[in-house]
Every structure is written in structure tokens, then in C-alpha cells.
PDB file of all heavy atoms in Angstrom:
ATOM      1  N   VAL A   1     128.862-140.242  43.209  1.00  0.00           N
ATOM      2  CA  VAL A   1     128.846-139.877  44.569  1.00  0.00           C
ATOM      3  C   VAL A   1     130.092-139.145  44.984  1.00  0.00           C
ATOM      4  O   VAL A   1     130.124-138.106  45.728  1.00  0.00           O
ATOM      5  CB  VAL A   1     128.569-141.086  45.473  1.00  0.00           C
ATOM      6  CG1 VAL A   1     128.770-140.775  46.918  1.00  0.00           C
ATOM      7  CG2 VAL A   1     127.204-141.622  45.172  1.00  0.00           C
ATOM      8  N   ASP A   2     131.285-139.735  44.546  1.00  0.00           N
ATOM      9  CA  ASP A   2     132.581-139.082  44.916  1.00  0.00           C
ATOM     10  C   ASP A   2     132.619-137.671  44.296  1.00  0.00           C
ATOM     11  O   ASP A   2     133.099-136.697  45.012  1.00  0.00           O
ATOM     12  CB  ASP A   2     133.776-139.906  44.324  1.00  0.00           C
ATOM     13  CG  ASP A   2     133.966-141.222  45.109  1.00  0.00           C
ATOM     14  OD1 ASP A   2     133.453-141.222  46.306  1.00  0.00           O
ATOM     15  OD2 ASP A   2     134.642-142.103  44.629  1.00  0.00           O
ATOM     16  N   MET A   3     132.209-137.470  43.090  1.00  0.00           N
ATOM     17  CA  MET A   3     132.228-136.132  42.415  1.00  0.00           C
ATOM     18  C   MET A   3     131.295-135.193  43.283  1.00  0.00           C
ATOM     19  O   MET A   3     131.705-134.011  43.504  1.00  0.00           O
ATOM     20  CB  MET A   3     131.715-136.309  40.990  1.00  0.00           C
ATOM     21  CG  MET A   3     131.789-134.946  40.270  1.00  0.00           C
ATOM     22  SD  MET A   3     131.268-135.020  38.554  1.00  0.00           S
ATOM     23  CE  MET A   3     129.544-135.499  38.741  1.00  0.00           C
ATOM     24  N   LEU A   4     130.136-135.599  43.670  1.00  0.00           N
ATOM     25  CA  LEU A   4     129.205-134.793  44.396  1.00  0.00           C
ATOM     26  C   LEU A   4     129.894-134.412  45.727  1.00  0.00           C
ATOM     27  O   LEU A   4     129.892-133.205  46.112  1.00  0.00           O
ATOM     28  CB  LEU A   4     127.843-135.501  44.714  1.00  0.00           C
ATOM     29  CG  LEU A   4     126.900-134.727  45.425  1.00  0.00           C
ATOM     30  CD1 LEU A   4     126.491-133.426  44.731  1.00  0.00           C
ATOM     31  CD2 LEU A   4     125.673-135.623  45.723  1.00  0.00           C
ATOM     32  N   HIS A   5     130.495-135.344  46.486  1.00  0.00           N
ATOM     33  CA  HIS A   5     131.190-135.009  47.684  1.00  0.00           C
ATOM     34  C   HIS A   5     132.252-134.060  47.552  1.00  0.00           C
ATOM     35  O   HIS A   5     132.414-133.088  48.284  1.00  0.00           O
ATOM     36  CB  HIS A   5     131.751-136.343  48.347  1.00  0.00           C
ATOM     37  CG  HIS A   5     130.750-137.149  49.026  1.00  0.00           C
ATOM     38  ND1 HIS A   5     130.224-136.819  50.257  1.00  0.00           N
ATOM     39  CD2 HIS A   5     130.154-138.249  48.677  1.00  0.00           C
ATOM     40  CE1 HIS A   5     129.337-137.698  50.614  1.00  0.00           C
ATOM     41  NE2 HIS A   5     129.262-138.604  49.677  1.00  0.00           N
ATOM     42  N   LYS A   6     133.091-134.160  46.418  1.00  0.00           N
ATOM     43  CA  LYS A   6     134.084-133.224  46.153  1.00  0.00           C
ATOM     44  C   LYS A   6     133.536-131.788  45.937  1.00  0.00           C
ATOM     45  O   LYS A   6     134.118-130.812  46.428  1.00  0.00           O
ATOM     46  CB  LYS A   6     135.004-133.696  45.025  1.00  0.00           C
ATOM     47  CG  LYS A   6     135.835-134.833  45.302  1.00  0.00           C
ATOM     48  CD  LYS A   6     136.587-135.331  44.136  1.00  0.00           C
ATOM     49  CE  LYS A   6     137.482-136.507  44.431  1.00  0.00           C
ATOM     50  NZ  LYS A   6     138.007-137.107  43.257  1.00  0.00           N
ATOM     51  N   ARG A   7     132.478-131.744  45.180  1.00  0.00           N
ATOM     52  CA  ARG A   7     131.853-130.439  44.903  1.00  0.00           C
ATOM     53  C   ARG A   7     131.283-129.882  46.090  1.00  0.00           C
ATOM     54  O   ARG A   7     131.373-128.650  46.293  1.00  0.00           O
ATOM     55  CB  ARG A   7     130.802-130.573  43.736  1.00  0.00           C
ATOM     56  CG  ARG A   7     131.477-130.894  42.412  1.00  0.00           C
ATOM     57  CD  ARG A   7     130.447-131.024  41.290  1.00  0.00           C
ATOM     58  NE  ARG A   7     131.106-131.260  40.031  1.00  0.00           N
ATOM     59  CZ  ARG A   7     130.538-131.206  38.867  1.00  0.00           C
ATOM     60  NH1 ARG A   7     129.281-130.929  38.820  1.00  0.00           N
ATOM     61  NH2 ARG A   7     131.246-131.417  37.765  1.00  0.00           N
ATOM     62  N   ILE A   8     130.579-130.649  46.904  1.00  0.00           N
ATOM     63  CA  ILE A   8     130.052-130.084  48.152  1.00  0.00           C
ATOM     64  C   ILE A   8     131.083-129.551  49.040  1.00  0.00           C
ATOM     65  O   ILE A   8     130.913-128.580  49.731  1.00  0.00           O
ATOM     66  CB  ILE A   8     129.137-131.152  48.875  1.00  0.00           C
ATOM     67  CG1 ILE A   8     127.866-131.439  48.110  1.00  0.00           C
ATOM     68  CG2 ILE A   8     128.827-130.776  50.320  1.00  0.00           C
ATOM     69  CD1 ILE A   8     127.118-132.551  48.583  1.00  0.00           C
ATOM     70  N   SER A   9     132.297-130.158  49.098  1.00  0.00           N
ATOM     71  CA  SER A   9     133.328-129.690  49.994  1.00  0.00           C
ATOM     72  C   SER A   9     133.881-128.415  49.529  1.00  0.00           C
ATOM     73  O   SER A   9     134.506-127.682  50.305  1.00  0.00           O
ATOM     74  CB  SER A   9     134.416-130.777  50.060  1.00  0.00           C
ATOM     75  OG  SER A   9     135.132-130.870  48.867  1.00  0.00           O
ATOM     76  N   LYS A  10     133.648-128.002  48.269  1.00  0.00           N
ATOM     77  CA  LYS A  10     134.134-126.709  47.837  1.00  0.00           C
ATOM     78  C   LYS A  10     133.229-125.557  48.168  1.00  0.00           C
ATOM     79  O   LYS A  10     133.569-124.377  47.976  1.00  0.00           O
ATOM     80  CB  LYS A  10     134.236-126.785  46.272  1.00  0.00           C
ATOM     81  CG  LYS A  10     135.382-127.687  45.775  1.00  0.00           C
ATOM     82  CD  LYS A  10     135.406-127.681  44.257  1.00  0.00           C
ATOM     83  CE  LYS A  10     136.488-128.608  43.715  1.00  0.00           C
ATOM     84  NZ  LYS A  10     136.418-128.629  42.217  1.00  0.00           N
ATOM     85  N   LEU A  11     132.008-125.893  48.671  1.00  0.00           N
ATOM     86  CA  LEU A  11     131.020-124.837  48.976  1.00  0.00           C
ATOM     87  C   LEU A  11     131.453-124.098  50.229  1.00  0.00           C
ATOM     88  O   LEU A  11     132.224-124.613  51.072  1.00  0.00           O
ATOM     89  CB  LEU A  11     129.652-125.431  49.266  1.00  0.00           C
ATOM     90  CG  LEU A  11     128.960-126.084  48.048  1.00  0.00           C
ATOM     91  CD1 LEU A  11     127.627-126.812  48.492  1.00  0.00           C
ATOM     92  CD2 LEU A  11     128.564-125.065  47.016  1.00  0.00           C
ATOM     93  N   GLN A  12     130.909-122.943  50.414  1.00  0.00           N
ATOM     94  CA  GLN A  12     131.107-122.220  51.647  1.00  0.00           C
ATOM     95  C   GLN A  12     130.417-122.910  52.791  1.00  0.00           C
ATOM     96  O   GLN A  12     129.491-123.628  52.627  1.00  0.00           O
ATOM     97  CB  GLN A  12     130.479-120.766  51.534  1.00  0.00           C
ATOM     98  CG  GLN A  12     131.171-119.875  50.512  1.00  0.00           C
ATOM     99  CD  GLN A  12     132.538-119.518  50.889  1.00  0.00           C
ATOM    100  OE1 GLN A  12     132.836-119.270  52.029  1.00  0.00           O
ATOM    101  NE2 GLN A  12     133.507-119.614  49.891  1.00  0.00           N
ATOM    102  N   PRO A  13     130.985-122.781  54.065  1.00  0.00           N
ATOM    103  CA  PRO A  13     130.500-123.592  55.120  1.00  0.00           C
ATOM    104  C   PRO A  13     128.944-123.480  55.325  1.00  0.00           C
ATOM    105  O   PRO A  13     128.320-124.465  55.619  1.00  0.00           O
ATOM    106  CB  PRO A  13     131.233-123.006  56.342  1.00  0.00           C
ATOM    107  CG  PRO A  13     132.479-122.492  55.791  1.00  0.00           C
ATOM    108  CD  PRO A  13     132.155-121.992  54.427  1.00  0.00           C
ATOM    109  N   PHE A  14     128.424-122.330  55.210  1.00  0.00           N
ATOM    110  CA  PHE A  14     126.928-122.108  55.444  1.00  0.00           C
ATOM    111  C   PHE A  14     126.150-122.824  54.331  1.00  0.00           C
ATOM    112  O   PHE A  14     125.205-123.559  54.648  1.00  0.00           O
ATOM    113  CB  PHE A  14     126.655-120.649  55.345  1.00  0.00           C
ATOM    114  CG  PHE A  14     125.165-120.298  55.746  1.00  0.00           C
ATOM    115  CD1 PHE A  14     124.796-120.406  57.100  1.00  0.00           C
ATOM    116  CD2 PHE A  14     124.238-120.021  54.860  1.00  0.00           C
ATOM    117  CE1 PHE A  14     123.499-120.171  57.467  1.00  0.00           C
ATOM    118  CE2 PHE A  14     122.969-119.742  55.164  1.00  0.00           C
ATOM    119  CZ  PHE A  14     122.563-119.771  56.547  1.00  0.00           C
ATOM    120  N   ASP A  15     126.552-122.781  53.053  1.00  0.00           N
ATOM    121  CA  ASP A  15     125.894-123.518  52.002  1.00  0.00           C
ATOM    122  C   ASP A  15     126.078-124.979  52.117  1.00  0.00           C
ATOM    123  O   ASP A  15     125.168-125.766  51.826  1.00  0.00           O
ATOM    124  CB  ASP A  15     126.396-123.070  50.598  1.00  0.00           C
ATOM    125  CG  ASP A  15     126.002-121.612  50.325  1.00  0.00           C
ATOM    126  OD1 ASP A  15     125.069-121.127  50.907  1.00  0.00           O
ATOM    127  OD2 ASP A  15     126.575-120.960  49.420  1.00  0.00           O
ATOM    128  N   ARG A  16     127.273-125.397  52.548  1.00  0.00           N
ATOM    129  CA  ARG A  16     127.628-126.819  52.775  1.00  0.00           C
ATOM    130  C   ARG A  16     126.631-127.324  53.886  1.00  0.00           C
ATOM    131  O   ARG A  16     126.026-128.491  53.729  1.00  0.00           O
ATOM    132  CB  ARG A  16     129.003-127.016  53.162  1.00  0.00           C
ATOM    133  CG  ARG A  16     129.455-128.443  53.172  1.00  0.00           C
ATOM    134  CD  ARG A  16     130.980-128.592  53.420  1.00  0.00           C
ATOM    135  NE  ARG A  16     131.738-127.523  53.037  1.00  0.00           N
ATOM    136  CZ  ARG A  16     132.768-126.971  53.790  1.00  0.00           C
ATOM    137  NH1 ARG A  16     132.990-127.497  54.986  1.00  0.00           N
ATOM    138  NH2 ARG A  16     133.416-125.978  53.392  1.00  0.00           N
ATOM    139  N   ALA A  17     126.397-126.622  54.916  1.00  0.00           N
ATOM    140  CA  ALA A  17     125.581-127.052  55.975  1.00  0.00           C
ATOM    141  C   ALA A  17     124.115-127.217  55.504  1.00  0.00           C
ATOM    142  O   ALA A  17     123.490-128.187  55.810  1.00  0.00           O
ATOM    143  CB  ALA A  17     125.592-126.028  57.093  1.00  0.00           C
ATOM    144  N   ILE A  18     123.674-126.273  54.697  1.00  0.00           N
ATOM    145  CA  ILE A  18     122.247-126.332  54.177  1.00  0.00           C
ATOM    146  C   ILE A  18     122.136-127.589  53.289  1.00  0.00           C
ATOM    147  O   ILE A  18     121.170-128.378  53.343  1.00  0.00           O
ATOM    148  CB  ILE A  18     121.924-125.092  53.371  1.00  0.00           C
ATOM    149  CG1 ILE A  18     121.821-123.915  54.291  1.00  0.00           C
ATOM    150  CG2 ILE A  18     120.656-125.274  52.553  1.00  0.00           C
ATOM    151  CD1 ILE A  18     121.636-122.536  53.657  1.00  0.00           C
ATOM    152  N   VAL A  19     123.108-127.869  52.407  1.00  0.00           N
ATOM    153  CA  VAL A  19     123.013-129.119  51.545  1.00  0.00           C
ATOM    154  C   VAL A  19     123.059-130.348  52.376  1.00  0.00           C
ATOM    155  O   VAL A  19     122.223-131.271  52.136  1.00  0.00           O
ATOM    156  CB  VAL A  19     124.108-129.074  50.541  1.00  0.00           C
ATOM    157  CG1 VAL A  19     124.267-130.402  49.797  1.00  0.00           C
ATOM    158  CG2 VAL A  19     123.954-127.993  49.539  1.00  0.00           C
ATOM    159  N   LEU A  20     123.893-130.358  53.321  1.00  0.00           N
ATOM    160  CA  LEU A  20     124.090-131.600  54.195  1.00  0.00           C
ATOM    161  C   LEU A  20     122.764-131.874  54.966  1.00  0.00           C
ATOM    162  O   LEU A  20     122.318-132.967  55.140  1.00  0.00           O
ATOM    163  CB  LEU A  20     125.374-131.583  55.023  1.00  0.00           C
ATOM    164  CG  LEU A  20     126.629-131.596  54.263  1.00  0.00           C
ATOM    165  CD1 LEU A  20     127.829-131.394  55.162  1.00  0.00           C
ATOM    166  CD2 LEU A  20     126.765-132.844  53.391  1.00  0.00           C
ATOM    167  N   LEU A  21     122.235-130.788  55.463  1.00  0.00           N
ATOM    168  CA  LEU A  21     120.923-131.018  56.233  1.00  0.00           C
ATOM    169  C   LEU A  21     119.796-131.465  55.309  1.00  0.00           C
ATOM    170  O   LEU A  21     119.036-132.253  55.629  1.00  0.00           O
ATOM    171  CB  LEU A  21     120.514-129.645  56.896  1.00  0.00           C
ATOM    172  CG  LEU A  21     121.431-129.267  58.062  1.00  0.00           C
ATOM    173  CD1 LEU A  21     121.106-127.802  58.565  1.00  0.00           C
ATOM    174  CD2 LEU A  21     121.206-130.234  59.244  1.00  0.00           C
ATOM    175  N   TRP A  22     119.800-130.968  54.054  1.00  0.00           N
ATOM    176  CA  TRP A  22     118.826-131.354  53.053  1.00  0.00           C
ATOM    177  C   TRP A  22     119.014-132.753  52.671  1.00  0.00           C
ATOM    178  O   TRP A  22     118.066-133.534  52.471  1.00  0.00           O
ATOM    179  CB  TRP A  22     118.950-130.430  51.821  1.00  0.00           C
ATOM    180  CG  TRP A  22     118.000-130.816  50.718  1.00  0.00           C
ATOM    181  CD1 TRP A  22     116.654-130.519  50.690  1.00  0.00           C
ATOM    182  CD2 TRP A  22     118.338-131.441  49.511  1.00  0.00           C
ATOM    183  NE1 TRP A  22     116.167-130.960  49.480  1.00  0.00           N
ATOM    184  CE2 TRP A  22     117.125-131.518  48.744  1.00  0.00           C
ATOM    185  CE3 TRP A  22     119.522-131.828  48.966  1.00  0.00           C
ATOM    186  CZ2 TRP A  22     117.113-132.113  47.510  1.00  0.00           C
ATOM    187  CZ3 TRP A  22     119.442-132.469  47.706  1.00  0.00           C
ATOM    188  CH2 TRP A  22     118.319-132.546  46.966  1.00  0.00           C
ATOM    189  N   LEU A  23     120.274-133.243  52.503  1.00  0.00           N
ATOM    190  CA  LEU A  23     120.551-134.624  52.208  1.00  0.00           C
ATOM    191  C   LEU A  23     120.169-135.543  53.427  1.00  0.00           C
ATOM    192  O   LEU A  23     119.975-136.784  53.230  1.00  0.00           O
ATOM    193  CB  LEU A  23     122.027-134.867  51.970  1.00  0.00           C
ATOM    194  CG  LEU A  23     122.507-134.218  50.650  1.00  0.00           C
ATOM    195  CD1 LEU A  23     124.048-134.336  50.450  1.00  0.00           C
ATOM    196  CD2 LEU A  23     121.783-134.916  49.446  1.00  0.00           C
ATOM    197  N   GLU A  24     120.030-134.985  54.631  1.00  0.00           N
ATOM    198  CA  GLU A  24     119.531-135.695  55.807  1.00  0.00           C
ATOM    199  C   GLU A  24     117.998-135.875  55.755  1.00  0.00           C
ATOM    200  O   GLU A  24     117.360-136.305  56.678  1.00  0.00           O
ATOM    201  CB  GLU A  24     119.990-135.016  57.063  1.00  0.00           C
ATOM    202  CG  GLU A  24     121.482-135.087  57.343  1.00  0.00           C
ATOM    203  CD  GLU A  24     121.899-136.330  58.127  1.00  0.00           C
ATOM    204  OE1 GLU A  24     120.974-136.848  58.790  1.00  0.00           O
ATOM    205  OE2 GLU A  24     123.066-136.777  57.947  1.00  0.00           O
ATOM    206  N   ASN A  25     117.384-135.396  54.739  1.00  0.00           N
ATOM    207  CA  ASN A  25     115.972-135.356  54.550  1.00  0.00           C
ATOM    208  C   ASN A  25     115.163-134.542  55.545  1.00  0.00           C
ATOM    209  O   ASN A  25     114.061-134.848  55.908  1.00  0.00           O
ATOM    210  CB  ASN A  25     115.373-136.794  54.546  1.00  0.00           C
ATOM    211  CG  ASN A  25     115.801-137.550  53.362  1.00  0.00           C
ATOM    212  OD1 ASN A  25     115.784-137.007  52.264  1.00  0.00           O
ATOM    213  ND2 ASN A  25     116.104-138.835  53.515  1.00  0.00           N
ATOM    214  N   LEU A  26     115.869-133.383  56.031  1.00  0.00           N
ATOM    215  CA  LEU A  26     115.095-132.496  56.879  1.00  0.00           C
ATOM    216  C   LEU A  26     114.247-131.586  56.012  1.00  0.00           C
ATOM    217  O   LEU A  26     114.644-131.306  54.881  1.00  0.00           O
ATOM    218  CB  LEU A  26     116.077-131.653  57.677  1.00  0.00           C
ATOM    219  CG  LEU A  26     116.943-132.397  58.721  1.00  0.00           C
ATOM    220  CD1 LEU A  26     117.961-131.466  59.380  1.00  0.00           C
ATOM    221  CD2 LEU A  26     116.037-133.088  59.757  1.00  0.00           C
ATOM    222  N   SER A  27     113.144-131.133  56.541  1.00  0.00           N
ATOM    223  CA  SER A  27     112.235-130.201  55.795  1.00  0.00           C
ATOM    224  C   SER A  27     112.930-128.791  55.749  1.00  0.00           C
ATOM    225  O   SER A  27     113.843-128.532  56.485  1.00  0.00           O
ATOM    226  CB  SER A  27     110.906-130.034  56.539  1.00  0.00           C
ATOM    227  OG  SER A  27     111.017-129.430  57.721  1.00  0.00           O
ATOM    228  N   TYR A  28     112.406-127.970  54.790  1.00  0.00           N
ATOM    229  CA  TYR A  28     112.990-126.631  54.705  1.00  0.00           C
ATOM    230  C   TYR A  28     112.747-125.827  56.020  1.00  0.00           C
ATOM    231  O   TYR A  28     113.586-125.128  56.358  1.00  0.00           O
ATOM    232  CB  TYR A  28     112.248-125.949  53.552  1.00  0.00           C
ATOM    233  CG  TYR A  28     112.616-126.364  52.140  1.00  0.00           C
ATOM    234  CD1 TYR A  28     113.513-127.470  52.001  1.00  0.00           C
ATOM    235  CD2 TYR A  28     112.115-125.799  51.038  1.00  0.00           C
ATOM    236  CE1 TYR A  28     113.901-127.876  50.677  1.00  0.00           C
ATOM    237  CE2 TYR A  28     112.477-126.225  49.781  1.00  0.00           C
ATOM    238  CZ  TYR A  28     113.372-127.252  49.621  1.00  0.00           C
ATOM    239  OH  TYR A  28     113.695-127.694  48.347  1.00  0.00           O
ATOM    240  N   GLU A  29     111.593-126.136  56.661  1.00  0.00           N
ATOM    241  CA  GLU A  29     111.358-125.432  57.925  1.00  0.00           C
ATOM    242  C   GLU A  29     112.391-125.764  59.013  1.00  0.00           C
ATOM    243  O   GLU A  29     112.857-124.962  59.719  1.00  0.00           O
ATOM    244  CB  GLU A  29     109.948-125.813  58.418  1.00  0.00           C
ATOM    245  CG  GLU A  29     108.804-125.190  57.622  1.00  0.00           C
ATOM    246  CD  GLU A  29     108.514-125.974  56.290  1.00  0.00           C
ATOM    247  OE1 GLU A  29     108.898-127.206  56.201  1.00  0.00           O
ATOM    248  OE2 GLU A  29     107.919-125.387  55.390  1.00  0.00           O
ATOM    249  N   GLU A  30     112.688-127.100  59.093  1.00  0.00           N
ATOM    250  CA  GLU A  30     113.675-127.568  60.033  1.00  0.00           C
ATOM    251  C   GLU A  30     115.017-127.003  59.737  1.00  0.00           C
ATOM    252  O   GLU A  30     115.831-126.522  60.632  1.00  0.00           O
ATOM    253  CB  GLU A  30     113.743-129.143  60.139  1.00  0.00           C
ATOM    254  CG  GLU A  30     112.537-129.740  60.718  1.00  0.00           C
ATOM    255  CD  GLU A  30     112.545-131.279  60.611  1.00  0.00           C
ATOM    256  OE1 GLU A  30     112.734-131.767  59.429  1.00  0.00           O
ATOM    257  OE2 GLU A  30     112.394-131.905  61.606  1.00  0.00           O
ATOM    258  N   ILE A  31     115.467-127.067  58.418  1.00  0.00           N
ATOM    259  CA  ILE A  31     116.715-126.470  58.040  1.00  0.00           C
ATOM    260  C   ILE A  31     116.786-124.984  58.344  1.00  0.00           C
ATOM    261  O   ILE A  31     117.787-124.579  58.901  1.00  0.00           O
ATOM    262  CB  ILE A  31     116.971-126.687  56.580  1.00  0.00           C
ATOM    263  CG1 ILE A  31     117.065-128.231  56.234  1.00  0.00           C
ATOM    264  CG2 ILE A  31     118.254-125.959  56.072  1.00  0.00           C
ATOM    265  CD1 ILE A  31     117.103-128.551  54.789  1.00  0.00           C
ATOM    266  N   GLY A  32     115.714-124.339  58.129  1.00  0.00           N
ATOM    267  CA  GLY A  32     115.610-122.872  58.387  1.00  0.00           C
ATOM    268  C   GLY A  32     115.837-122.564  59.898  1.00  0.00           C
ATOM    269  O   GLY A  32     116.546-121.645  60.263  1.00  0.00           O
ATOM    270  N   GLN A  33     115.126-123.302  60.699  1.00  0.00           N
ATOM    271  CA  GLN A  33     115.299-123.184  62.191  1.00  0.00           C
ATOM    272  C   GLN A  33     116.722-123.424  62.599  1.00  0.00           C
ATOM    273  O   GLN A  33     117.265-122.687  63.408  1.00  0.00           O
ATOM    274  CB  GLN A  33     114.364-124.145  62.925  1.00  0.00           C
ATOM    275  CG  GLN A  33     112.955-123.716  62.871  1.00  0.00           C
ATOM    276  CD  GLN A  33     111.992-124.716  63.535  1.00  0.00           C
ATOM    277  OE1 GLN A  33     112.520-125.816  63.896  1.00  0.00           O
ATOM    278  NE2 GLN A  33     110.771-124.327  63.772  1.00  0.00           N
ATOM    279  N   ILE A  34     117.363-124.395  61.968  1.00  0.00           N
ATOM    280  CA  ILE A  34     118.682-124.731  62.447  1.00  0.00           C
ATOM    281  C   ILE A  34     119.731-123.682  62.010  1.00  0.00           C
ATOM    282  O   ILE A  34     120.531-123.322  62.837  1.00  0.00           O
ATOM    283  CB  ILE A  34     119.151-126.198  61.956  1.00  0.00           C
ATOM    284  CG1 ILE A  34     118.277-127.258  62.554  1.00  0.00           C
ATOM    285  CG2 ILE A  34     120.608-126.392  62.039  1.00  0.00           C
ATOM    286  CD1 ILE A  34     118.369-128.590  61.887  1.00  0.00           C
ATOM    287  N   VAL A  35     119.594-123.174  60.811  1.00  0.00           N
ATOM    288  CA  VAL A  35     120.574-122.282  60.295  1.00  0.00           C
ATOM    289  C   VAL A  35     120.214-120.838  60.513  1.00  0.00           C
ATOM    290  O   VAL A  35     120.993-119.951  60.282  1.00  0.00           O
ATOM    291  CB  VAL A  35     120.994-122.604  58.834  1.00  0.00           C
ATOM    292  CG1 VAL A  35     121.639-123.879  58.755  1.00  0.00           C
ATOM    293  CG2 VAL A  35     119.842-122.364  57.938  1.00  0.00           C
TER     294      VAL A  35
END
């Protein structure tokens, strides 16, 4: 989990946002609307 968090923090802000929304169990449609 620590390794995953470190790797996610290295992503660009837009990509990081997509991953974090996905980890919140939002659907692709909801993520798409948000970003």
C-alpha cells in the first residue's frame, strides 16, 4: 500500500485525480463527468 501511494503521488495531477476517484469506486461515467 505504501509503495502504491508513493507511485500515485508521482503521477501528474490529472492522472492522480482519475486514479483516486477510481479508488473511491466511482463509475467511469462519474469520473468522466467530474474531470
